Amino acid sequence: MRSVFILVTVGTFLGIGALAHDLGFSLTWAVVCTILVWAGPAQVILLTALGGGAALVEIAIAVALSAVRLMPMVVSLIPIMRGPATRNRDLVLPAHFVAVTIWAESLRLLPALPRENRVAFLNGMGSGFMAVGAVFTIVGFYLAASLPMVLTAALLMLTPLAFLMSTAGNARLLADRLALLLGLMIGPVLAAYRVELDLLWAGMIGGTLAYAVHRLREAAR
């Protein structure tokens, strides 16, 4: 699984680097963006919006909304990371590192570690992934002239595909599997009807329905 997510990170940030080059951003700006923003989808929104001349306020709102999806991931990891001696400020850097890849790997690896070592482990893993992202942002930037736009777009799809496969693989309860299935069914319908925030609504509706089925099933026992 580790190698899969490293490959996902490589592909994603190759695409980010190529996109930054094609939109006229400098290499330094692209690398700093990778380190500070980190999440691939938020970077795509930031790059394309700035490249298209959108207003800064609109860009800030769009990037913030994209980052909201990471908040439940951070919230779910904090109880796993926190120990008796963990200070709140110790969790700031790990929270910054949390993206889809780090979240999925943390859920898999952290429970097997002593609690007092988990924050340090996540910081190390996050630093490693971020270093890979920064390096391949540079590589993608210089390869931009030889990368077709279709390939760049395909590379940027690796992260959501990996997240989908990881979520499906980690789904153990009926409610988890039902929420995923309902989301996959509802999402395309909302997209076809051009409903704004279709992904958000698909998650909320699918998750709520799955939770309701779970509660009804538990009550019937």
C-alpha atoms as a PDB file:
ATOM      1  CA  MET A   1       0.000   0.000   0.000  1.00  0.00           C
ATOM      2  CA  ARG A   2       2.868   2.403   0.766  1.00  0.00           C
ATOM      3  CA  SER A   3       4.289   2.027  -2.752  1.00  0.00           C
ATOM      4  CA  VAL A   4       0.850   2.615  -4.252  1.00  0.00           C
ATOM      5  CA  PHE A   5       0.417   5.923  -2.442  1.00  0.00           C
ATOM      6  CA  ILE A   6       3.950   7.026  -3.292  1.00  0.00           C
ATOM      7  CA  LEU A   7       3.150   6.357  -6.952  1.00  0.00           C
ATOM      8  CA  VAL A   8      -0.070   8.325  -6.559  1.00  0.00           C
ATOM      9  CA  THR A   9       1.892  11.230  -5.058  1.00  0.00           C
ATOM     10  CA  VAL A  10       4.446  11.081  -7.883  1.00  0.00           C
ATOM     11  CA  GLY A  11       1.753  11.128 -10.558  1.00  0.00           C
ATOM     12  CA  THR A  12      -0.293  13.860  -8.906  1.00  0.00           C
ATOM     13  CA  PHE A  13       2.588  16.273  -8.490  1.00  0.00           C
ATOM     14  CA  LEU A  14       3.971  15.604 -11.944  1.00  0.00           C
ATOM     15  CA  GLY A  15       0.602  16.895 -13.112  1.00  0.00           C
ATOM     16  CA  ILE A  16       0.721  19.839 -10.695  1.00  0.00           C
ATOM     17  CA  GLY A  17       4.172  20.868 -11.927  1.00  0.00           C
ATOM     18  CA  ALA A  18       3.143  20.609 -15.566  1.00  0.00           C
ATOM     19  CA  LEU A  19      -0.034  22.586 -14.919  1.00  0.00           C
ATOM     20  CA  ALA A  20       1.905  25.346 -13.128  1.00  0.00           C
ATOM     21  CA  HIS A  21       4.300  25.604 -16.071  1.00  0.00           C
ATOM     22  CA  ASP A  22       1.519  25.747 -18.653  1.00  0.00           C
ATOM     23  CA  LEU A  23      -0.274  28.497 -16.721  1.00  0.00           C
ATOM     24  CA  GLY A  24       2.867  30.637 -16.538  1.00  0.00           C
ATOM     25  CA  PHE A  25       3.813  30.272 -12.868  1.00  0.00           C
ATOM     26  CA  SER A  26       7.445  30.171 -11.771  1.00  0.00           C
ATOM     27  CA  LEU A  27       9.102  27.005 -10.505  1.00  0.00           C
ATOM     28  CA  THR A  28       9.682  28.539  -7.067  1.00  0.00           C
ATOM     29  CA  TRP A  29       6.015  29.511  -6.806  1.00  0.00           C
ATOM     30  CA  ALA A  30       4.925  25.995  -7.800  1.00  0.00           C
ATOM     31  CA  VAL A  31       7.146  24.308  -5.187  1.00  0.00           C
ATOM     32  CA  VAL A  32       6.095  26.719  -2.412  1.00  0.00           C
ATOM     33  CA  CYS A  33       2.462  26.097  -3.377  1.00  0.00           C
ATOM     34  CA  THR A  34       3.016  22.348  -3.029  1.00  0.00           C
ATOM     35  CA  ILE A  35       4.514  22.759   0.443  1.00  0.00           C
ATOM     36  CA  LEU A  36       1.978  25.254   1.774  1.00  0.00           C
ATOM     37  CA  VAL A  37      -1.238  24.036   0.132  1.00  0.00           C
ATOM     38  CA  TRP A  38      -0.213  20.358  -0.179  1.00  0.00           C
ATOM     39  CA  ALA A  39      -3.605  18.924  -1.189  1.00  0.00           C
ATOM     40  CA  GLY A  40      -3.684  18.306  -4.950  1.00  0.00           C
ATOM     41  CA  PRO A  41      -7.284  19.358  -5.689  1.00  0.00           C
ATOM     42  CA  ALA A  42      -6.842  22.627  -3.781  1.00  0.00           C
ATOM     43  CA  GLN A  43      -3.686  23.322  -5.789  1.00  0.00           C
ATOM     44  CA  VAL A  44      -5.503  22.697  -9.059  1.00  0.00           C
ATOM     45  CA  ILE A  45      -8.242  25.140  -8.020  1.00  0.00           C
ATOM     46  CA  LEU A  46      -5.673  27.742  -6.959  1.00  0.00           C
ATOM     47  CA  LEU A  47      -3.573  27.418 -10.118  1.00  0.00           C
ATOM     48  CA  THR A  48      -6.433  27.422 -12.585  1.00  0.00           C
ATOM     49  CA  ALA A  49      -8.296  30.232 -10.823  1.00  0.00           C
ATOM     50  CA  LEU A  50      -5.229  32.470 -10.627  1.00  0.00           C
ATOM     51  CA  GLY A  51      -4.321  31.567 -14.199  1.00  0.00           C
ATOM     52  CA  GLY A  52      -7.826  32.495 -15.324  1.00  0.00           C
ATOM     53  CA  GLY A  53      -7.741  35.863 -13.561  1.00  0.00           C
ATOM     54  CA  ALA A  54     -10.437  35.174 -10.962  1.00  0.00           C
ATOM     55  CA  ALA A  55     -10.850  37.567  -8.043  1.00  0.00           C
ATOM     56  CA  LEU A  56      -8.679  36.777  -5.019  1.00  0.00           C
ATOM     57  CA  VAL A  57     -11.675  36.600  -2.675  1.00  0.00           C
ATOM     58  CA  GLU A  58     -13.388  34.064  -4.915  1.00  0.00           C
ATOM     59  CA  ILE A  59     -10.191  32.012  -5.125  1.00  0.00           C
ATOM     60  CA  ALA A  60      -9.758  32.040  -1.346  1.00  0.00           C
ATOM     61  CA  ILE A  61     -13.341  30.845  -0.827  1.00  0.00           C
ATOM     62  CA  ALA A  62     -12.993  28.085  -3.443  1.00  0.00           C
ATOM     63  CA  VAL A  63      -9.711  26.799  -1.987  1.00  0.00           C
ATOM     64  CA  ALA A  64     -11.138  26.935   1.551  1.00  0.00           C
ATOM     65  CA  LEU A  65     -14.209  24.940   0.492  1.00  0.00           C
ATOM     66  CA  SER A  66     -11.949  22.368  -1.123  1.00  0.00           C
ATOM     67  CA  ALA A  67      -9.942  22.096   2.102  1.00  0.00           C
ATOM     68  CA  VAL A  68     -13.079  21.556   4.217  1.00  0.00           C
ATOM     69  CA  ARG A  69     -13.189  17.934   3.013  1.00  0.00           C
ATOM     70  CA  LEU A  70      -9.933  17.327   4.914  1.00  0.00           C
ATOM     71  CA  MET A  71     -11.317  18.505   8.257  1.00  0.00           C
ATOM     72  CA  PRO A  72     -13.149  15.232   9.062  1.00  0.00           C
ATOM     73  CA  MET A  73      -9.928  13.373   8.257  1.00  0.00           C
ATOM     74  CA  VAL A  74      -7.959  15.518  10.706  1.00  0.00           C
ATOM     75  CA  VAL A  75     -10.677  15.128  13.342  1.00  0.00           C
ATOM     76  CA  SER A  76     -10.661  11.349  12.935  1.00  0.00           C
ATOM     77  CA  LEU A  77      -6.873  11.163  13.363  1.00  0.00           C
ATOM     78  CA  ILE A  78      -6.513  13.417  16.415  1.00  0.00           C
ATOM     79  CA  PRO A  79      -7.865  10.833  18.922  1.00  0.00           C
ATOM     80  CA  ILE A  80      -5.523   8.250  17.404  1.00  0.00           C
ATOM     81  CA  MET A  81      -2.471  10.541  17.672  1.00  0.00           C
ATOM     82  CA  ARG A  82      -3.154  12.208  20.991  1.00  0.00           C
ATOM     83  CA  GLY A  83      -1.516  10.759  24.066  1.00  0.00           C
ATOM     84  CA  PRO A  84      -1.412  11.814  27.738  1.00  0.00           C
ATOM     85  CA  ALA A  85       1.611  14.074  27.112  1.00  0.00           C
ATOM     86  CA  THR A  86       0.533  15.413  23.706  1.00  0.00           C
ATOM     87  CA  ARG A  87       0.179  19.193  23.616  1.00  0.00           C
ATOM     88  CA  ASN A  88      -2.181  20.956  21.245  1.00  0.00           C
ATOM     89  CA  ARG A  89       0.709  22.634  19.444  1.00  0.00           C
ATOM     90  CA  ASP A  90       2.224  19.204  18.770  1.00  0.00           C
ATOM     91  CA  LEU A  91      -0.745  18.458  16.511  1.00  0.00           C
ATOM     92  CA  VAL A  92      -0.427  21.535  14.266  1.00  0.00           C
ATOM     93  CA  LEU A  93       2.217  20.111  11.914  1.00  0.00           C
ATOM     94  CA  PRO A  94       0.574  16.672  11.621  1.00  0.00           C
ATOM     95  CA  ALA A  95      -2.726  18.412  10.808  1.00  0.00           C
ATOM     96  CA  HIS A  96      -1.018  20.270   7.936  1.00  0.00           C
ATOM     97  CA  PHE A  97       0.346  17.013   6.546  1.00  0.00           C
ATOM     98  CA  VAL A  98      -3.071  15.344   6.464  1.00  0.00           C
ATOM     99  CA  ALA A  99      -4.235  14.740   2.914  1.00  0.00           C
ATOM    100  CA  VAL A 100      -5.959  11.713   1.417  1.00  0.00           C
ATOM    101  CA  THR A 101      -2.763   9.655   1.167  1.00  0.00           C
ATOM    102  CA  ILE A 102      -1.492  10.516   4.663  1.00  0.00           C
ATOM    103  CA  TRP A 103      -4.928   9.934   6.195  1.00  0.00           C
ATOM    104  CA  ALA A 104      -5.342   6.505   4.635  1.00  0.00           C
ATOM    105  CA  GLU A 105      -1.845   5.383   5.614  1.00  0.00           C
ATOM    106  CA  SER A 106      -2.190   6.805   9.129  1.00  0.00           C
ATOM    107  CA  LEU A 107      -5.380   4.873   9.776  1.00  0.00           C
ATOM    108  CA  ARG A 108      -3.581   1.728   8.685  1.00  0.00           C
ATOM    109  CA  LEU A 109      -0.257   2.216  10.453  1.00  0.00           C
ATOM    110  CA  LEU A 110      -0.733   4.369  13.562  1.00  0.00           C
ATOM    111  CA  PRO A 111      -2.841   1.963  15.688  1.00  0.00           C
ATOM    112  CA  ALA A 112       0.019  -0.554  15.674  1.00  0.00           C
ATOM    113  CA  LEU A 113       2.489   1.998  17.117  1.00  0.00           C
ATOM    114  CA  PRO A 114       2.965   3.049  20.750  1.00  0.00           C
ATOM    115  CA  ARG A 115       0.806   6.113  21.325  1.00  0.00           C
ATOM    116  CA  GLU A 116       3.749   8.309  22.352  1.00  0.00           C
ATOM    117  CA  ASN A 117       5.447   7.668  18.974  1.00  0.00           C
ATOM    118  CA  ARG A 118       2.499   8.370  16.696  1.00  0.00           C
ATOM    119  CA  VAL A 119       2.888  12.134  16.260  1.00  0.00           C
ATOM    120  CA  ALA A 120       6.581  11.770  15.402  1.00  0.00           C
ATOM    121  CA  PHE A 121       5.798   8.938  12.990  1.00  0.00           C
ATOM    122  CA  LEU A 122       3.149  10.968  11.170  1.00  0.00           C
ATOM    123  CA  ASN A 123       5.496  13.970  10.980  1.00  0.00           C
ATOM    124  CA  GLY A 124       8.167  11.769   9.444  1.00  0.00           C
ATOM    125  CA  MET A 125       5.790  10.143   6.986  1.00  0.00           C
ATOM    126  CA  GLY A 126       4.249  13.498   6.050  1.00  0.00           C
ATOM    127  CA  SER A 127       7.677  15.059   5.511  1.00  0.00           C
ATOM    128  CA  GLY A 128       8.649  12.157   3.260  1.00  0.00           C
ATOM    129  CA  PHE A 129       5.506  12.396   1.160  1.00  0.00           C
ATOM    130  CA  MET A 130       5.835  16.177   0.920  1.00  0.00           C
ATOM    131  CA  ALA A 131       9.473  15.900  -0.171  1.00  0.00           C
ATOM    132  CA  VAL A 132       8.413  13.501  -2.917  1.00  0.00           C
ATOM    133  CA  GLY A 133       5.651  15.920  -3.925  1.00  0.00           C
ATOM    134  CA  ALA A 134       8.058  18.863  -4.100  1.00  0.00           C
ATOM    135  CA  VAL A 135      10.628  16.916  -6.140  1.00  0.00           C
ATOM    136  CA  PHE A 136       8.077  15.729  -8.668  1.00  0.00           C
ATOM    137  CA  THR A 137       6.511  19.179  -8.899  1.00  0.00           C
ATOM    138  CA  ILE A 138       9.932  20.246 -10.189  1.00  0.00           C
ATOM    139  CA  VAL A 139      10.160  17.244 -12.514  1.00  0.00           C
ATOM    140  CA  GLY A 140       6.655  17.888 -13.876  1.00  0.00           C
ATOM    141  CA  PHE A 141       7.474  21.569 -14.370  1.00  0.00           C
ATOM    142  CA  TYR A 142      10.430  20.721 -16.609  1.00  0.00           C
ATOM    143  CA  LEU A 143       8.598  17.911 -18.398  1.00  0.00           C
ATOM    144  CA  ALA A 144       5.595  20.138 -19.172  1.00  0.00           C
ATOM    145  CA  ALA A 145       6.627  20.670 -22.782  1.00  0.00           C
ATOM    146  CA  SER A 146       6.579  16.920 -23.432  1.00  0.00           C
ATOM    147  CA  LEU A 147       3.487  15.979 -21.393  1.00  0.00           C
ATOM    148  CA  PRO A 148       0.201  16.001 -23.346  1.00  0.00           C
ATOM    149  CA  MET A 149      -2.626  17.818 -21.575  1.00  0.00           C
ATOM    150  CA  VAL A 150      -4.686  14.606 -21.492  1.00  0.00           C
ATOM    151  CA  LEU A 151      -1.883  12.838 -19.601  1.00  0.00           C
ATOM    152  CA  THR A 152      -1.578  15.755 -17.176  1.00  0.00           C
ATOM    153  CA  ALA A 153      -5.313  15.540 -16.448  1.00  0.00           C
ATOM    154  CA  ALA A 154      -5.083  11.760 -16.027  1.00  0.00           C
ATOM    155  CA  LEU A 155      -2.227  12.122 -13.514  1.00  0.00           C
ATOM    156  CA  LEU A 156      -4.323  14.517 -11.449  1.00  0.00           C
ATOM    157  CA  MET A 157      -7.054  11.865 -11.254  1.00  0.00           C
ATOM    158  CA  LEU A 158      -4.772   9.420  -9.424  1.00  0.00           C
ATOM    159  CA  THR A 159      -5.459  10.888  -5.977  1.00  0.00           C
ATOM    160  CA  PRO A 160      -9.280  10.583  -6.049  1.00  0.00           C
ATOM    161  CA  LEU A 161      -9.014   7.106  -7.565  1.00  0.00           C
ATOM    162  CA  ALA A 162      -6.597   5.998  -4.850  1.00  0.00           C
ATOM    163  CA  PHE A 163      -8.873   7.492  -2.191  1.00  0.00           C
ATOM    164  CA  LEU A 164     -11.838   5.589  -3.631  1.00  0.00           C
ATOM    165  CA  MET A 165      -9.933   2.287  -3.638  1.00  0.00           C
ATOM    166  CA  SER A 166      -8.588   2.870  -0.127  1.00  0.00           C
ATOM    167  CA  THR A 167     -12.053   3.714   1.197  1.00  0.00           C
ATOM    168  CA  ALA A 168     -13.538   0.623  -0.439  1.00  0.00           C
ATOM    169  CA  GLY A 169     -10.749  -1.576   0.947  1.00  0.00           C
ATOM    170  CA  ASN A 170     -11.128  -0.215   4.484  1.00  0.00           C
ATOM    171  CA  ALA A 171     -14.934  -0.435   4.552  1.00  0.00           C
ATOM    172  CA  ARG A 172     -15.783  -3.103   7.098  1.00  0.00           C
ATOM    173  CA  LEU A 173     -19.262  -2.224   8.337  1.00  0.00           C
ATOM    174  CA  LEU A 174     -22.454  -2.387   6.310  1.00  0.00           C
ATOM    175  CA  ALA A 175     -22.980   1.352   6.892  1.00  0.00           C
ATOM    176  CA  ASP A 176     -19.549   2.118   5.402  1.00  0.00           C
ATOM    177  CA  ARG A 177     -20.157   0.027   2.308  1.00  0.00           C
ATOM    178  CA  LEU A 178     -23.681   1.352   1.867  1.00  0.00           C
ATOM    179  CA  ALA A 179     -22.516   4.980   2.197  1.00  0.00           C
ATOM    180  CA  LEU A 180     -19.855   4.387  -0.469  1.00  0.00           C
ATOM    181  CA  LEU A 181     -22.292   2.645  -2.810  1.00  0.00           C
ATOM    182  CA  LEU A 182     -24.974   5.329  -2.402  1.00  0.00           C
ATOM    183  CA  GLY A 183     -22.410   8.081  -2.964  1.00  0.00           C
ATOM    184  CA  LEU A 184     -21.248   6.430  -6.183  1.00  0.00           C
ATOM    185  CA  MET A 185     -24.851   6.180  -7.365  1.00  0.00           C
ATOM    186  CA  ILE A 186     -26.016   9.656  -6.332  1.00  0.00           C
ATOM    187  CA  GLY A 187     -22.907  11.579  -7.431  1.00  0.00           C
ATOM    188  CA  PRO A 188     -23.237  10.996 -11.208  1.00  0.00           C
ATOM    189  CA  VAL A 189     -26.953  11.840 -11.095  1.00  0.00           C
ATOM    190  CA  LEU A 190     -26.287  15.186  -9.406  1.00  0.00           C
ATOM    191  CA  ALA A 191     -23.433  15.885 -11.822  1.00  0.00           C
ATOM    192  CA  ALA A 192     -25.670  15.100 -14.811  1.00  0.00           C
ATOM    193  CA  TYR A 193     -28.221  17.639 -13.574  1.00  0.00           C
ATOM    194  CA  ARG A 194     -25.419  20.176 -12.941  1.00  0.00           C
ATOM    195  CA  VAL A 195     -26.209  20.486  -9.232  1.00  0.00           C
ATOM    196  CA  GLU A 196     -23.689  22.767  -7.580  1.00  0.00           C
ATOM    197  CA  LEU A 197     -21.450  21.131  -4.936  1.00  0.00           C
ATOM    198  CA  ASP A 198     -22.521  17.752  -6.294  1.00  0.00           C
ATOM    199  CA  LEU A 199     -19.741  15.840  -4.535  1.00  0.00           C
ATOM    200  CA  LEU A 200     -20.584  17.406  -1.175  1.00  0.00           C
ATOM    201  CA  TRP A 201     -24.288  16.663  -1.564  1.00  0.00           C
ATOM    202  CA  ALA A 202     -23.604  13.089  -2.709  1.00  0.00           C
ATOM    203  CA  GLY A 203     -21.540  12.474   0.426  1.00  0.00           C
ATOM    204  CA  MET A 204     -24.069  14.064   2.747  1.00  0.00           C
ATOM    205  CA  ILE A 205     -27.083  12.271   1.252  1.00  0.00           C
ATOM    206  CA  GLY A 206     -25.348   8.901   0.899  1.00  0.00           C
ATOM    207  CA  GLY A 207     -23.835   9.059   4.383  1.00  0.00           C
ATOM    208  CA  THR A 208     -27.106  10.143   6.011  1.00  0.00           C
ATOM    209  CA  LEU A 209     -29.102   7.394   4.310  1.00  0.00           C
ATOM    210  CA  ALA A 210     -26.499   4.776   5.236  1.00  0.00           C
ATOM    211  CA  TYR A 211     -26.522   5.949   8.856  1.00  0.00           C
ATOM    212  CA  ALA A 212     -30.349   5.822   8.925  1.00  0.00           C
ATOM    213  CA  VAL A 213     -30.298   2.242   7.595  1.00  0.00           C
ATOM    214  CA  HIS A 214     -27.687   1.332  10.206  1.00  0.00           C
ATOM    215  CA  ARG A 215     -29.802   2.775  13.051  1.00  0.00           C
ATOM    216  CA  LEU A 216     -32.956   1.023  11.804  1.00  0.00           C
ATOM    217  CA  ARG A 217     -31.065  -2.245  11.531  1.00  0.00           C
ATOM    218  CA  GLU A 218     -29.710  -1.893  15.068  1.00  0.00           C
ATOM    219  CA  ALA A 219     -33.155  -1.011  16.423  1.00  0.00           C
ATOM    220  CA  ALA A 220     -34.683  -4.092  14.763  1.00  0.00           C
ATOM    221  CA  ARG A 221     -32.275  -6.438  16.571  1.00  0.00           C
END
